[in-house]
């Protein structure tokens, strides 16, 4: 059994430990839905707090689910591999 924190649970713990501005994929349905179909999806936000059962982003919007994400640059080789796998 894997007890590693992930998803909205991880975001709540990070906030409780004092972390601010956590870049997250956000959604009101589920962690899984937050991570799906990011093509043209701008549902990412900096999460600032968790209050009354909601995550609040830097724009003040409440979200039910907030999954920490990491955005990093990719190489040409990585892009070619992802394009090849898609087709």
Protein backbone atom coordinates (compact mmCIF):
# COMPACT_ATOMS: atom_id res chain seq x y z
CA UNK A 1 0.00 0.00 0.00
CA UNK A 2 1.33 3.44 -0.98
CA UNK A 3 0.84 6.07 1.72
CA UNK A 4 2.48 8.88 -0.24
CA UNK A 5 0.36 12.04 -0.26
CA UNK A 6 -0.91 13.25 -3.62
CA UNK A 7 -3.64 15.35 -5.17
CA UNK A 8 -5.77 17.65 -3.05
CA UNK A 9 -4.58 15.89 0.12
CA UNK A 10 -1.02 16.96 -0.67
CA UNK A 11 -2.13 20.53 -1.35
CA UNK A 12 -3.91 20.72 2.02
CA UNK A 13 -0.79 19.47 3.84
CA UNK A 14 1.48 21.89 1.96
CA UNK A 15 -0.78 24.80 2.92
CA UNK A 16 -0.89 23.62 6.55
CA UNK A 17 2.92 23.64 6.56
CA UNK A 18 2.95 27.27 5.44
CA UNK A 19 3.52 26.89 1.71
CA UNK A 20 1.82 29.61 -0.35
CA UNK A 21 1.20 29.99 -4.08
CA UNK A 22 1.02 26.29 -4.96
CA UNK A 23 0.56 25.86 -8.71
CA UNK A 24 -2.35 23.46 -9.17
CA UNK A 25 -4.74 21.97 -11.68
CA UNK A 26 -8.15 22.87 -10.25
CA UNK A 27 -11.66 21.49 -10.64
CA UNK A 28 -14.94 21.18 -8.77
CA UNK A 29 -15.49 17.50 -9.66
CA UNK A 30 -12.46 15.42 -8.58
CA UNK A 31 -8.67 15.22 -8.52
CA UNK A 32 -8.82 12.92 -11.52
CA UNK A 33 -10.96 15.37 -13.51
CA UNK A 34 -8.60 18.22 -12.62
CA UNK A 35 -5.77 16.31 -14.30
CA UNK A 36 -7.68 15.32 -17.45
CA UNK A 37 -7.80 16.98 -20.85
CA UNK A 38 -5.48 19.95 -20.45
CA UNK A 39 -5.51 20.75 -24.18
CA UNK A 40 -6.85 24.29 -24.28
CA UNK A 41 -7.76 24.02 -20.60
CA UNK A 42 -6.71 26.97 -18.52
CA UNK A 43 -7.96 25.55 -15.23
CA UNK A 44 -4.73 26.00 -13.35
CA UNK A 45 -4.20 28.45 -10.53
CA UNK A 46 -1.96 29.46 -7.67
CA UNK A 47 -3.65 28.12 -4.54
CA UNK A 48 -3.25 30.41 -1.55
CA UNK A 49 -5.41 28.87 1.19
CA UNK A 50 -7.89 26.17 2.23
CA UNK A 51 -10.94 27.34 4.17
CA UNK A 52 -14.38 25.90 4.82
CA UNK A 53 -13.77 22.94 2.52
CA UNK A 54 -12.52 24.98 -0.46
CA UNK A 55 -9.16 25.86 -1.96
CA UNK A 56 -8.83 29.56 -2.76
CA UNK A 57 -6.65 30.76 -5.61
CA UNK A 58 -4.82 34.06 -5.96
CA UNK A 59 -7.86 35.48 -7.84
CA UNK A 60 -10.11 34.64 -4.87
CA UNK A 61 -12.06 31.86 -6.62
CA UNK A 62 -13.02 28.78 -4.55
CA UNK A 63 -12.23 25.30 -5.90
CA UNK A 64 -13.22 21.89 -4.51
CA UNK A 65 -10.10 20.11 -5.78
CA UNK A 66 -6.55 21.36 -6.33
CA UNK A 67 -3.80 19.01 -7.54
CA UNK A 68 -0.20 20.31 -7.34
CA UNK A 69 1.46 20.35 -10.75
CA UNK A 70 4.90 21.14 -12.05
CA UNK A 71 5.53 22.84 -15.35
CA UNK A 72 8.95 22.35 -16.88
CA UNK A 73 10.58 22.86 -20.22
CA UNK A 74 10.93 19.81 -22.47
CA UNK A 75 13.53 18.83 -25.03
CA UNK A 76 12.96 18.32 -28.74
CA UNK A 77 13.42 14.57 -28.24
CA UNK A 78 10.71 14.46 -25.53
CA UNK A 79 8.32 16.38 -27.79
CA UNK A 80 8.98 14.07 -30.76
CA UNK A 81 8.33 11.02 -28.56
CA UNK A 82 5.05 12.43 -27.23
CA UNK A 83 3.87 13.31 -30.75
CA UNK A 84 4.79 9.84 -32.01
CA UNK A 85 2.90 8.14 -29.16
CA UNK A 86 -0.18 10.29 -29.80
CA UNK A 87 -0.51 9.00 -33.34
